[in-house]
Amino acid sequence: MKIAVISSNKDKAQEMRRMLEALSHTVVLSDSGNGRLRELAAQADLILIDGLACEAGDLGQIEQFTTDYPKTAVILLCATQTPEFLINAMRAGVREVLPSPVPAGA
């Protein structure tokens, strides 16, 4: 599977890359935020967004992306997960919201 990781934390991004490549996935890293979603959609089956869209107001761009590219899954990695945010993320088309940092088993 081709996976794009968007994270402003280069150390966390590299750690995710190592974990995912150990499971035979192809990984592309980006630190430029959600602005590259459309570009990454052509390269990835799954996009992991680490800590960059963890407020309800940040989900608009993701919602537009998931509407335009329904075959590309989006997973958010967020430290704080309120019930309201989880509902809004689901409405925006996010497939999963996982805790950050991500446990190795996840």
PDB file of N, CA and C in Angstrom:
ATOM      1  N   MET A   1       0.838  -1.171   0.000  1.00  0.00           N
ATOM      2  CA  MET A   1       0.000   0.000   0.000  1.00  0.00           C
ATOM      3  C   MET A   1       0.888   1.240   0.000  1.00  0.00           C
ATOM      4  N   LYS A   2       0.464   2.256  -0.715  1.00  0.00           N
ATOM      5  CA  LYS A   2       1.178   3.532  -0.735  1.00  0.00           C
ATOM      6  C   LYS A   2       0.564   4.448   0.316  1.00  0.00           C
ATOM      7  N   ILE A   3       1.405   4.931   1.238  1.00  0.00           N
ATOM      8  CA  ILE A   3       0.945   5.749   2.354  1.00  0.00           C
ATOM      9  C   ILE A   3       1.716   7.059   2.376  1.00  0.00           C
ATOM     10  N   ALA A   4       0.979   8.169   2.464  1.00  0.00           N
ATOM     11  CA  ALA A   4       1.595   9.484   2.623  1.00  0.00           C
ATOM     12  C   ALA A   4       1.437   9.905   4.079  1.00  0.00           C
ATOM     13  N   VAL A   5       2.510  10.405   4.654  1.00  0.00           N
ATOM     14  CA  VAL A   5       2.499  10.885   6.037  1.00  0.00           C
ATOM     15  C   VAL A   5       2.755  12.387   5.996  1.00  0.00           C
ATOM     16  N   ILE A   6       1.793  13.162   6.525  1.00  0.00           N
ATOM     17  CA  ILE A   6       1.953  14.608   6.630  1.00  0.00           C
ATOM     18  C   ILE A   6       2.157  14.925   8.105  1.00  0.00           C
ATOM     19  N   SER A   7       3.320  15.471   8.431  1.00  0.00           N
ATOM     20  CA  SER A   7       3.634  15.798   9.816  1.00  0.00           C
ATOM     21  C   SER A   7       4.648  16.924   9.857  1.00  0.00           C
ATOM     22  N   SER A   8       4.450  17.851  10.787  1.00  0.00           N
ATOM     23  CA  SER A   8       5.438  18.913  10.968  1.00  0.00           C
ATOM     24  C   SER A   8       6.583  18.453  11.861  1.00  0.00           C
ATOM     25  N   ASN A   9       6.431  17.311  12.506  1.00  0.00           N
ATOM     26  CA  ASN A   9       7.461  16.759  13.379  1.00  0.00           C
ATOM     27  C   ASN A   9       8.259  15.716  12.598  1.00  0.00           C
ATOM     28  N   LYS A  10       9.448  16.082  12.160  1.00  0.00           N
ATOM     29  CA  LYS A  10      10.243  15.197  11.299  1.00  0.00           C
ATOM     30  C   LYS A  10      10.637  13.899  11.992  1.00  0.00           C
ATOM     31  N   ASP A  11      10.896  13.954  13.296  1.00  0.00           N
ATOM     32  CA  ASP A  11      11.267  12.732  14.016  1.00  0.00           C
ATOM     33  C   ASP A  11      10.106  11.743  14.051  1.00  0.00           C
ATOM     34  N   LYS A  12       8.903  12.243  14.347  1.00  0.00           N
ATOM     35  CA  LYS A  12       7.727  11.369  14.362  1.00  0.00           C
ATOM     36  C   LYS A  12       7.453  10.815  12.966  1.00  0.00           C
ATOM     37  N   ALA A  13       7.610  11.646  11.950  1.00  0.00           N
ATOM     38  CA  ALA A  13       7.379  11.202  10.578  1.00  0.00           C
ATOM     39  C   ALA A  13       8.355  10.087  10.201  1.00  0.00           C
ATOM     40  N   GLN A  14       9.616  10.245  10.572  1.00  0.00           N
ATOM     41  CA  GLN A  14      10.609   9.212  10.267  1.00  0.00           C
ATOM     42  C   GLN A  14      10.301   7.912  11.008  1.00  0.00           C
ATOM     43  N   GLU A  15       9.850   8.033  12.258  1.00  0.00           N
ATOM     44  CA  GLU A  15       9.494   6.842  13.028  1.00  0.00           C
ATOM     45  C   GLU A  15       8.311   6.109  12.388  1.00  0.00           C
ATOM     46  N   MET A  16       7.303   6.873  11.951  1.00  0.00           N
ATOM     47  CA  MET A  16       6.167   6.249  11.262  1.00  0.00           C
ATOM     48  C   MET A  16       6.620   5.587   9.969  1.00  0.00           C
ATOM     49  N   ARG A  17       7.524   6.254   9.260  1.00  0.00           N
ATOM     50  CA  ARG A  17       8.044   5.673   8.020  1.00  0.00           C
ATOM     51  C   ARG A  17       8.709   4.321   8.295  1.00  0.00           C
ATOM     52  N   ARG A  18       9.539   4.260   9.332  1.00  0.00           N
ATOM     53  CA  ARG A  18      10.221   3.001   9.656  1.00  0.00           C
ATOM     54  C   ARG A  18       9.208   1.898   9.989  1.00  0.00           C
ATOM     55  N   MET A  19       8.201   2.242  10.806  1.00  0.00           N
ATOM     56  CA  MET A  19       7.198   1.240  11.178  1.00  0.00           C
ATOM     57  C   MET A  19       6.423   0.748   9.956  1.00  0.00           C
ATOM     58  N   LEU A  20       6.033   1.674   9.092  1.00  0.00           N
ATOM     59  CA  LEU A  20       5.225   1.302   7.926  1.00  0.00           C
ATOM     60  C   LEU A  20       6.032   0.547   6.873  1.00  0.00           C
ATOM     61  N   GLU A  21       7.269   0.968   6.649  1.00  0.00           N
ATOM     62  CA  GLU A  21       8.112   0.269   5.685  1.00  0.00           C
ATOM     63  C   GLU A  21       8.468  -1.128   6.175  1.00  0.00           C
ATOM     64  N   ALA A  22       8.543  -1.330   7.487  1.00  0.00           N
ATOM     65  CA  ALA A  22       8.791  -2.660   8.041  1.00  0.00           C
ATOM     66  C   ALA A  22       7.633  -3.606   7.724  1.00  0.00           C
ATOM     67  N   LEU A  23       6.456  -3.019   7.448  1.00  0.00           N
ATOM     68  CA  LEU A  23       5.281  -3.817   7.081  1.00  0.00           C
ATOM     69  C   LEU A  23       5.085  -3.859   5.560  1.00  0.00           C
ATOM     70  N   SER A  24       6.138  -3.501   4.823  1.00  0.00           N
ATOM     71  CA  SER A  24       6.181  -3.557   3.358  1.00  0.00           C
ATOM     72  C   SER A  24       5.301  -2.516   2.657  1.00  0.00           C
ATOM     73  N   HIS A  25       5.069  -1.377   3.298  1.00  0.00           N
ATOM     74  CA  HIS A  25       4.324  -0.295   2.664  1.00  0.00           C
ATOM     75  C   HIS A  25       5.310   0.690   2.039  1.00  0.00           C
ATOM     76  N   THR A  26       4.881   1.365   0.983  1.00  0.00           N
ATOM     77  CA  THR A  26       5.646   2.444   0.386  1.00  0.00           C
ATOM     78  C   THR A  26       5.200   3.736   1.061  1.00  0.00           C
ATOM     79  N   VAL A  27       6.151   4.553   1.520  1.00  0.00           N
ATOM     80  CA  VAL A  27       5.832   5.737   2.317  1.00  0.00           C
ATOM     81  C   VAL A  27       6.423   6.990   1.678  1.00  0.00           C
ATOM     82  N   VAL A  28       5.587   8.041   1.610  1.00  0.00           N
ATOM     83  CA  VAL A  28       6.009   9.365   1.157  1.00  0.00           C
ATOM     84  C   VAL A  28       5.810  10.303   2.333  1.00  0.00           C
ATOM     85  N   LEU A  29       6.825  11.102   2.665  1.00  0.00           N
ATOM     86  CA  LEU A  29       6.732  12.046   3.779  1.00  0.00           C
ATOM     87  C   LEU A  29       6.537  13.467   3.256  1.00  0.00           C
ATOM     88  N   SER A  30       5.745  14.250   3.996  1.00  0.00           N
ATOM     89  CA  SER A  30       5.541  15.657   3.671  1.00  0.00           C
ATOM     90  C   SER A  30       5.429  16.434   4.973  1.00  0.00           C
ATOM     91  N   ASP A  31       6.019  17.614   5.008  1.00  0.00           N
ATOM     92  CA  ASP A  31       5.897  18.466   6.189  1.00  0.00           C
ATOM     93  C   ASP A  31       5.178  19.765   5.859  1.00  0.00           C
ATOM     94  N   SER A  32       4.525  19.807   4.702  1.00  0.00           N
ATOM     95  CA  SER A  32       3.932  21.065   4.250  1.00  0.00           C
ATOM     96  C   SER A  32       2.466  21.233   4.610  1.00  0.00           C
ATOM     97  N   GLY A  33       1.960  20.431   5.515  1.00  0.00           N
ATOM     98  CA  GLY A  33       0.581  20.594   5.955  1.00  0.00           C
ATOM     99  C   GLY A  33      -0.429  20.050   4.973  1.00  0.00           C
ATOM    100  N   ASN A  34      -1.680  20.401   5.216  1.00  0.00           N
ATOM    101  CA  ASN A  34      -2.775  19.868   4.423  1.00  0.00           C
ATOM    102  C   ASN A  34      -2.816  20.424   3.004  1.00  0.00           C
ATOM    103  N   GLY A  35      -2.006  21.425   2.694  1.00  0.00           N
ATOM    104  CA  GLY A  35      -1.999  22.032   1.379  1.00  0.00           C
ATOM    105  C   GLY A  35      -1.601  21.087   0.261  1.00  0.00           C
ATOM    106  N   ARG A  36      -0.957  19.989   0.587  1.00  0.00           N
ATOM    107  CA  ARG A  36      -0.515  19.038  -0.433  1.00  0.00           C
ATOM    108  C   ARG A  36      -1.442  17.846  -0.578  1.00  0.00           C
ATOM    109  N   LEU A  37      -2.617  17.882   0.026  1.00  0.00           N
ATOM    110  CA  LEU A  37      -3.511  16.725  -0.024  1.00  0.00           C
ATOM    111  C   LEU A  37      -3.787  16.274  -1.449  1.00  0.00           C
ATOM    112  N   ARG A  38      -4.144  17.179  -2.323  1.00  0.00           N
ATOM    113  CA  ARG A  38      -4.482  16.807  -3.704  1.00  0.00           C
ATOM    114  C   ARG A  38      -3.287  16.210  -4.436  1.00  0.00           C
ATOM    115  N   GLU A  39      -2.128  16.783  -4.229  1.00  0.00           N
ATOM    116  CA  GLU A  39      -0.909  16.256  -4.857  1.00  0.00           C
ATOM    117  C   GLU A  39      -0.605  14.853  -4.340  1.00  0.00           C
ATOM    118  N   LEU A  40      -0.763  14.650  -3.038  1.00  0.00           N
ATOM    119  CA  LEU A  40      -0.469  13.348  -2.450  1.00  0.00           C
ATOM    120  C   LEU A  40      -1.501  12.294  -2.838  1.00  0.00           C
ATOM    121  N   ALA A  41      -2.716  12.716  -3.181  1.00  0.00           N
ATOM    122  CA  ALA A  41      -3.761  11.758  -3.557  1.00  0.00           C
ATOM    123  C   ALA A  41      -3.346  10.931  -4.763  1.00  0.00           C
ATOM    124  N   ALA A  42      -2.575  11.531  -5.658  1.00  0.00           N
ATOM    125  CA  ALA A  42      -2.113  10.801  -6.837  1.00  0.00           C
ATOM    126  C   ALA A  42      -1.043   9.774  -6.481  1.00  0.00           C
ATOM    127  N   GLN A  43      -0.401   9.934  -5.328  1.00  0.00           N
ATOM    128  CA  GLN A  43       0.705   9.064  -4.940  1.00  0.00           C
ATOM    129  C   GLN A  43       0.340   8.059  -3.853  1.00  0.00           C
ATOM    130  N   ALA A  44      -0.837   8.210  -3.219  1.00  0.00           N
ATOM    131  CA  ALA A  44      -1.100   7.415  -2.017  1.00  0.00           C
ATOM    132  C   ALA A  44      -2.513   6.839  -1.988  1.00  0.00           C
ATOM    133  N   ASP A  45      -2.617   5.677  -1.349  1.00  0.00           N
ATOM    134  CA  ASP A  45      -3.907   5.055  -1.081  1.00  0.00           C
ATOM    135  C   ASP A  45      -4.439   5.514   0.272  1.00  0.00           C
ATOM    136  N   LEU A  46      -3.521   5.920   1.145  1.00  0.00           N
ATOM    137  CA  LEU A  46      -3.847   6.318   2.508  1.00  0.00           C
ATOM    138  C   LEU A  46      -3.006   7.532   2.871  1.00  0.00           C
ATOM    139  N   ILE A  47      -3.641   8.521   3.519  1.00  0.00           N
ATOM    140  CA  ILE A  47      -2.913   9.700   3.982  1.00  0.00           C
ATOM    141  C   ILE A  47      -3.063   9.780   5.494  1.00  0.00           C
ATOM    142  N   LEU A  48      -1.921   9.799   6.191  1.00  0.00           N
ATOM    143  CA  LEU A  48      -1.882   9.973   7.644  1.00  0.00           C
ATOM    144  C   LEU A  48      -1.512  11.418   7.923  1.00  0.00           C
ATOM    145  N   ILE A  49      -2.361  12.115   8.673  1.00  0.00           N
ATOM    146  CA  ILE A  49      -2.102  13.512   9.009  1.00  0.00           C
ATOM    147  C   ILE A  49      -1.850  13.586  10.504  1.00  0.00           C
ATOM    148  N   ASP A  50      -0.626  13.948  10.869  1.00  0.00           N
ATOM    149  CA  ASP A  50      -0.211  13.959  12.269  1.00  0.00           C
ATOM    150  C   ASP A  50      -0.292  15.351  12.866  1.00  0.00           C
ATOM    151  N   GLY A  51      -1.297  15.578  13.721  1.00  0.00           N
ATOM    152  CA  GLY A  51      -1.379  16.794  14.514  1.00  0.00           C
ATOM    153  C   GLY A  51      -1.683  18.075  13.778  1.00  0.00           C
ATOM    154  N   LEU A  52      -2.041  18.020  12.508  1.00  0.00           N
ATOM    155  CA  LEU A  52      -2.238  19.248  11.740  1.00  0.00           C
ATOM    156  C   LEU A  52      -3.699  19.602  11.507  1.00  0.00           C
ATOM    157  N   ALA A  53      -4.615  18.738  11.816  1.00  0.00           N
ATOM    158  CA  ALA A  53      -6.035  19.024  11.591  1.00  0.00           C
ATOM    159  C   ALA A  53      -6.836  18.577  12.802  1.00  0.00           C
ATOM    160  N   CYS A  54      -6.381  18.948  13.969  1.00  0.00           N
ATOM    161  CA  CYS A  54      -6.967  18.423  15.207  1.00  0.00           C
ATOM    162  C   CYS A  54      -7.946  19.376  15.872  1.00  0.00           C
ATOM    163  N   GLU A  55      -8.422  20.343  15.141  1.00  0.00           N
ATOM    164  CA  GLU A  55      -9.469  21.246  15.613  1.00  0.00           C
ATOM    165  C   GLU A  55     -10.623  21.154  14.619  1.00  0.00           C
ATOM    166  N   ALA A  56     -11.838  21.292  15.111  1.00  0.00           N
ATOM    167  CA  ALA A  56     -13.012  21.170  14.253  1.00  0.00           C
ATOM    168  C   ALA A  56     -12.946  22.122  13.057  1.00  0.00           C
ATOM    169  N   GLY A  57     -12.409  23.329  13.254  1.00  0.00           N
ATOM    170  CA  GLY A  57     -12.303  24.299  12.171  1.00  0.00           C
ATOM    171  C   GLY A  57     -11.319  23.911  11.080  1.00  0.00           C
ATOM    172  N   ASP A  58     -10.444  22.959  11.355  1.00  0.00           N
ATOM    173  CA  ASP A  58      -9.432  22.546  10.386  1.00  0.00           C
ATOM    174  C   ASP A  58      -9.937  21.456   9.443  1.00  0.00           C
ATOM    175  N   LEU A  59     -11.143  20.992   9.640  1.00  0.00           N
ATOM    176  CA  LEU A  59     -11.635  19.838   8.890  1.00  0.00           C
ATOM    177  C   LEU A  59     -12.246  20.184   7.534  1.00  0.00           C
ATOM    178  N   GLY A  60     -12.478  21.459   7.257  1.00  0.00           N
ATOM    179  CA  GLY A  60     -13.098  21.862   5.988  1.00  0.00           C
ATOM    180  C   GLY A  60     -12.307  21.412   4.772  1.00  0.00           C
ATOM    181  N   GLN A  61     -11.005  21.616   4.800  1.00  0.00           N
ATOM    182  CA  GLN A  61     -10.163  21.227   3.671  1.00  0.00           C
ATOM    183  C   GLN A  61     -10.148  19.711   3.511  1.00  0.00           C
ATOM    184  N   ILE A  62     -10.140  19.004   4.610  1.00  0.00           N
ATOM    185  CA  ILE A  62     -10.160  17.537   4.546  1.00  0.00           C
ATOM    186  C   ILE A  62     -11.494  17.057   3.991  1.00  0.00           C
ATOM    187  N   GLU A  63     -12.588  17.695   4.399  1.00  0.00           N
ATOM    188  CA  GLU A  63     -13.903  17.309   3.883  1.00  0.00           C
ATOM    189  C   GLU A  63     -13.971  17.496   2.371  1.00  0.00           C
ATOM    190  N   GLN A  64     -13.460  18.616   1.873  1.00  0.00           N
ATOM    191  CA  GLN A  64     -13.444  18.852   0.426  1.00  0.00           C
ATOM    192  C   GLN A  64     -12.609  17.788  -0.275  1.00  0.00           C
ATOM    193  N   PHE A  65     -11.464  17.458   0.324  1.00  0.00           N
ATOM    194  CA  PHE A  65     -10.586  16.434  -0.257  1.00  0.00           C
ATOM    195  C   PHE A  65     -11.266  15.066  -0.297  1.00  0.00           C
ATOM    196  N   THR A  66     -11.890  14.649   0.812  1.00  0.00           N
ATOM    197  CA  THR A  66     -12.513  13.318   0.854  1.00  0.00           C
ATOM    198  C   THR A  66     -13.721  13.243  -0.076  1.00  0.00           C
ATOM    199  N   THR A  67     -14.356  14.373  -0.339  1.00  0.00           N
ATOM    200  CA  THR A  67     -15.453  14.403  -1.306  1.00  0.00           C
ATOM    201  C   THR A  67     -14.917  14.214  -2.723  1.00  0.00           C
ATOM    202  N   ASP A  68     -13.811  14.882  -3.037  1.00  0.00           N
ATOM    203  CA  ASP A  68     -13.223  14.811  -4.373  1.00  0.00           C
ATOM    204  C   ASP A  68     -12.461  13.511  -4.627  1.00  0.00           C
ATOM    205  N   TYR A  69     -11.881  12.909  -3.579  1.00  0.00           N
ATOM    206  CA  TYR A  69     -11.064  11.696  -3.704  1.00  0.00           C
ATOM    207  C   TYR A  69     -11.552  10.631  -2.713  1.00  0.00           C
ATOM    208  N   PRO A  70     -12.731  10.078  -2.931  1.00  0.00           N
ATOM    209  CA  PRO A  70     -13.298   9.137  -1.951  1.00  0.00           C
ATOM    210  C   PRO A  70     -12.522   7.829  -1.800  1.00  0.00           C
ATOM    211  N   LYS A  71     -11.685   7.493  -2.769  1.00  0.00           N
ATOM    212  CA  LYS A  71     -10.924   6.235  -2.681  1.00  0.00           C
ATOM    213  C   LYS A  71      -9.660   6.369  -1.851  1.00  0.00           C
ATOM    214  N   THR A  72      -9.247   7.596  -1.536  1.00  0.00           N
ATOM    215  CA  THR A  72      -8.062   7.818  -0.720  1.00  0.00           C
ATOM    216  C   THR A  72      -8.503   7.993   0.733  1.00  0.00           C
ATOM    217  N   ALA A  73      -8.089   7.083   1.584  1.00  0.00           N
ATOM    218  CA  ALA A  73      -8.461   7.136   3.002  1.00  0.00           C
ATOM    219  C   ALA A  73      -7.611   8.164   3.730  1.00  0.00           C
ATOM    220  N   VAL A  74      -8.227   8.833   4.706  1.00  0.00           N
ATOM    221  CA  VAL A  74      -7.529   9.811   5.535  1.00  0.00           C
ATOM    222  C   VAL A  74      -7.659   9.377   6.992  1.00  0.00           C
ATOM    223  N   ILE A  75      -6.514   9.319   7.668  1.00  0.00           N
ATOM    224  CA  ILE A  75      -6.471   9.016   9.092  1.00  0.00           C
ATOM    225  C   ILE A  75      -5.784  10.179   9.790  1.00  0.00           C
ATOM    226  N   LEU A  76      -6.421  10.687  10.849  1.00  0.00           N
ATOM    227  CA  LEU A  76      -5.837  11.771  11.640  1.00  0.00           C
ATOM    228  C   LEU A  76      -5.190  11.201  12.887  1.00  0.00           C
ATOM    229  N   LEU A  77      -4.056  11.761  13.264  1.00  0.00           N
ATOM    230  CA  LEU A  77      -3.368  11.417  14.503  1.00  0.00           C
ATOM    231  C   LEU A  77      -3.401  12.659  15.381  1.00  0.00           C
ATOM    232  N   CYS A  78      -4.182  12.603  16.460  1.00  0.00           N
ATOM    233  CA  CYS A  78      -4.399  13.771  17.315  1.00  0.00           C
ATOM    234  C   CYS A  78      -4.245  13.394  18.782  1.00  0.00           C
ATOM    235  N   ALA A  79      -3.625  14.284  19.546  1.00  0.00           N
ATOM    236  CA  ALA A  79      -3.458  14.049  20.977  1.00  0.00           C
ATOM    237  C   ALA A  79      -4.783  14.188  21.716  1.00  0.00           C
ATOM    238  N   THR A  80      -5.600  15.150  21.318  1.00  0.00           N
ATOM    239  CA  THR A  80      -6.871  15.394  21.984  1.00  0.00           C
ATOM    240  C   THR A  80      -8.003  14.937  21.079  1.00  0.00           C
ATOM    241  N   GLN A  81      -8.924  14.165  21.645  1.00  0.00           N
ATOM    242  CA  GLN A  81     -10.032  13.643  20.851  1.00  0.00           C
ATOM    243  C   GLN A  81     -11.339  13.805  21.615  1.00  0.00           C
ATOM    244  N   THR A  82     -11.957  14.961  21.493  1.00  0.00           N
ATOM    245  CA  THR A  82     -13.245  15.171  22.142  1.00  0.00           C
ATOM    246  C   THR A  82     -14.336  14.488  21.330  1.00  0.00           C
ATOM    247  N   PRO A  83     -15.439  14.129  21.955  1.00  0.00           N
ATOM    248  CA  PRO A  83     -16.537  13.518  21.200  1.00  0.00           C
ATOM    249  C   PRO A  83     -17.014  14.411  20.042  1.00  0.00           C
ATOM    250  N   GLU A  84     -17.082  15.714  20.269  1.00  0.00           N
ATOM    251  CA  GLU A  84     -17.509  16.634  19.217  1.00  0.00           C
ATOM    252  C   GLU A  84     -16.548  16.597  18.027  1.00  0.00           C
ATOM    253  N   PHE A  85     -15.250  16.599  18.317  1.00  0.00           N
ATOM    254  CA  PHE A  85     -14.268  16.540  17.234  1.00  0.00           C
ATOM    255  C   PHE A  85     -14.385  15.232  16.464  1.00  0.00           C
ATOM    256  N   LEU A  86     -14.551  14.127  17.150  1.00  0.00           N
ATOM    257  CA  LEU A  86     -14.664  12.829  16.482  1.00  0.00           C
ATOM    258  C   LEU A  86     -15.880  12.789  15.556  1.00  0.00           C
ATOM    259  N   ILE A  87     -16.983  13.357  15.992  1.00  0.00           N
ATOM    260  CA  ILE A  87     -18.185  13.410  15.141  1.00  0.00           C
ATOM    261  C   ILE A  87     -17.926  14.279  13.915  1.00  0.00           C
ATOM    262  N   ASN A  88     -17.299  15.439  14.116  1.00  0.00           N
ATOM    263  CA  ASN A  88     -16.982  16.321  12.988  1.00  0.00           C
ATOM    264  C   ASN A  88     -15.993  15.677  12.025  1.00  0.00           C
ATOM    265  N   ALA A  89     -15.039  14.945  12.549  1.00  0.00           N
ATOM    266  CA  ALA A  89     -14.067  14.256  11.693  1.00  0.00           C
ATOM    267  C   ALA A  89     -14.778  13.196  10.852  1.00  0.00           C
ATOM    268  N   MET A  90     -15.700  12.457  11.466  1.00  0.00           N
ATOM    269  CA  MET A  90     -16.455  11.446  10.734  1.00  0.00           C
ATOM    270  C   MET A  90     -17.259  12.112   9.615  1.00  0.00           C
ATOM    271  N   ARG A  91     -17.900  13.226   9.922  1.00  0.00           N
ATOM    272  CA  ARG A  91     -18.676  13.955   8.905  1.00  0.00           C
ATOM    273  C   ARG A  91     -17.801  14.463   7.769  1.00  0.00           C
ATOM    274  N   ALA A  92     -16.535  14.771   8.074  1.00  0.00           N
ATOM    275  CA  ALA A  92     -15.601  15.264   7.062  1.00  0.00           C
ATOM    276  C   ALA A  92     -15.045  14.136   6.198  1.00  0.00           C
ATOM    277  N   GLY A  93     -15.352  12.883   6.540  1.00  0.00           N
ATOM    278  CA  GLY A  93     -14.884  11.766   5.736  1.00  0.00           C
ATOM    279  C   GLY A  93     -13.608  11.121   6.227  1.00  0.00           C
ATOM    280  N   VAL A  94     -13.168  11.495   7.427  1.00  0.00           N
ATOM    281  CA  VAL A  94     -11.971  10.886   8.006  1.00  0.00           C
ATOM    282  C   VAL A  94     -12.312   9.440   8.391  1.00  0.00           C
ATOM    283  N   ARG A  95     -11.455   8.499   8.009  1.00  0.00           N
ATOM    284  CA  ARG A  95     -11.739   7.079   8.296  1.00  0.00           C
ATOM    285  C   ARG A  95     -11.485   6.712   9.741  1.00  0.00           C
ATOM    286  N   GLU A  96     -10.408   7.246  10.325  1.00  0.00           N
ATOM    287  CA  GLU A  96     -10.041   6.936  11.715  1.00  0.00           C
ATOM    288  C   GLU A  96      -9.385   8.164  12.337  1.00  0.00           C
ATOM    289  N   VAL A  97      -9.528   8.285  13.649  1.00  0.00           N
ATOM    290  CA  VAL A  97      -8.771   9.266  14.423  1.00  0.00           C
ATOM    291  C   VAL A  97      -8.053   8.468  15.498  1.00  0.00           C
ATOM    292  N   LEU A  98      -6.732   8.459  15.420  1.00  0.00           N
ATOM    293  CA  LEU A  98      -5.914   7.695  16.350  1.00  0.00           C
ATOM    294  C   LEU A  98      -5.183   8.636  17.300  1.00  0.00           C
ATOM    295  N   PRO A  99      -4.808   8.135  18.476  1.00  0.00           N
ATOM    296  CA  PRO A  99      -4.052   8.977  19.406  1.00  0.00           C
ATOM    297  C   PRO A  99      -2.659   9.278  18.859  1.00  0.00           C
ATOM    298  N   SER A 100      -2.125  10.395  19.282  1.00  0.00           N
ATOM    299  CA  SER A 100      -0.763  10.761  18.910  1.00  0.00           C
ATOM    300  C   SER A 100       0.012  11.003  20.197  1.00  0.00           C
ATOM    301  N   PRO A 101       1.143  10.359  20.385  1.00  0.00           N
ATOM    302  CA  PRO A 101       1.834   9.478  19.443  1.00  0.00           C
ATOM    303  C   PRO A 101       1.097   8.146  19.287  1.00  0.00           C
ATOM    304  N   VAL A 102       1.310   7.550  18.140  1.00  0.00           N
ATOM    305  CA  VAL A 102       0.619   6.306  17.795  1.00  0.00           C
ATOM    306  C   VAL A 102       1.295   5.129  18.477  1.00  0.00           C
ATOM    307  N   PRO A 103       0.525   4.309  19.178  1.00  0.00           N
ATOM    308  CA  PRO A 103       1.105   3.078  19.732  1.00  0.00           C
ATOM    309  C   PRO A 103       1.553   2.161  18.585  1.00  0.00           C
ATOM    310  N   ALA A 104       2.609   1.437  18.769  1.00  0.00           N
ATOM    311  CA  ALA A 104       3.163   0.573  17.711  1.00  0.00           C
ATOM    312  C   ALA A 104       2.141  -0.383  17.157  1.00  0.00           C
ATOM    313  N   GLY A 105       1.245  -0.909  17.981  1.00  0.00           N
ATOM    314  CA  GLY A 105       0.246  -1.860  17.520  1.00  0.00           C
ATOM    315  C   GLY A 105      -0.801  -1.260  16.599  1.00  0.00           C
ATOM    316  N   ALA A 106      -1.023   0.039  16.733  1.00  0.00           N
ATOM    317  CA  ALA A 106      -2.041   0.710  15.905  1.00  0.00           C
ATOM    318  C   ALA A 106      -1.520   0.888  14.498  1.00  0.00           C
TER     319      ALA A 106
END
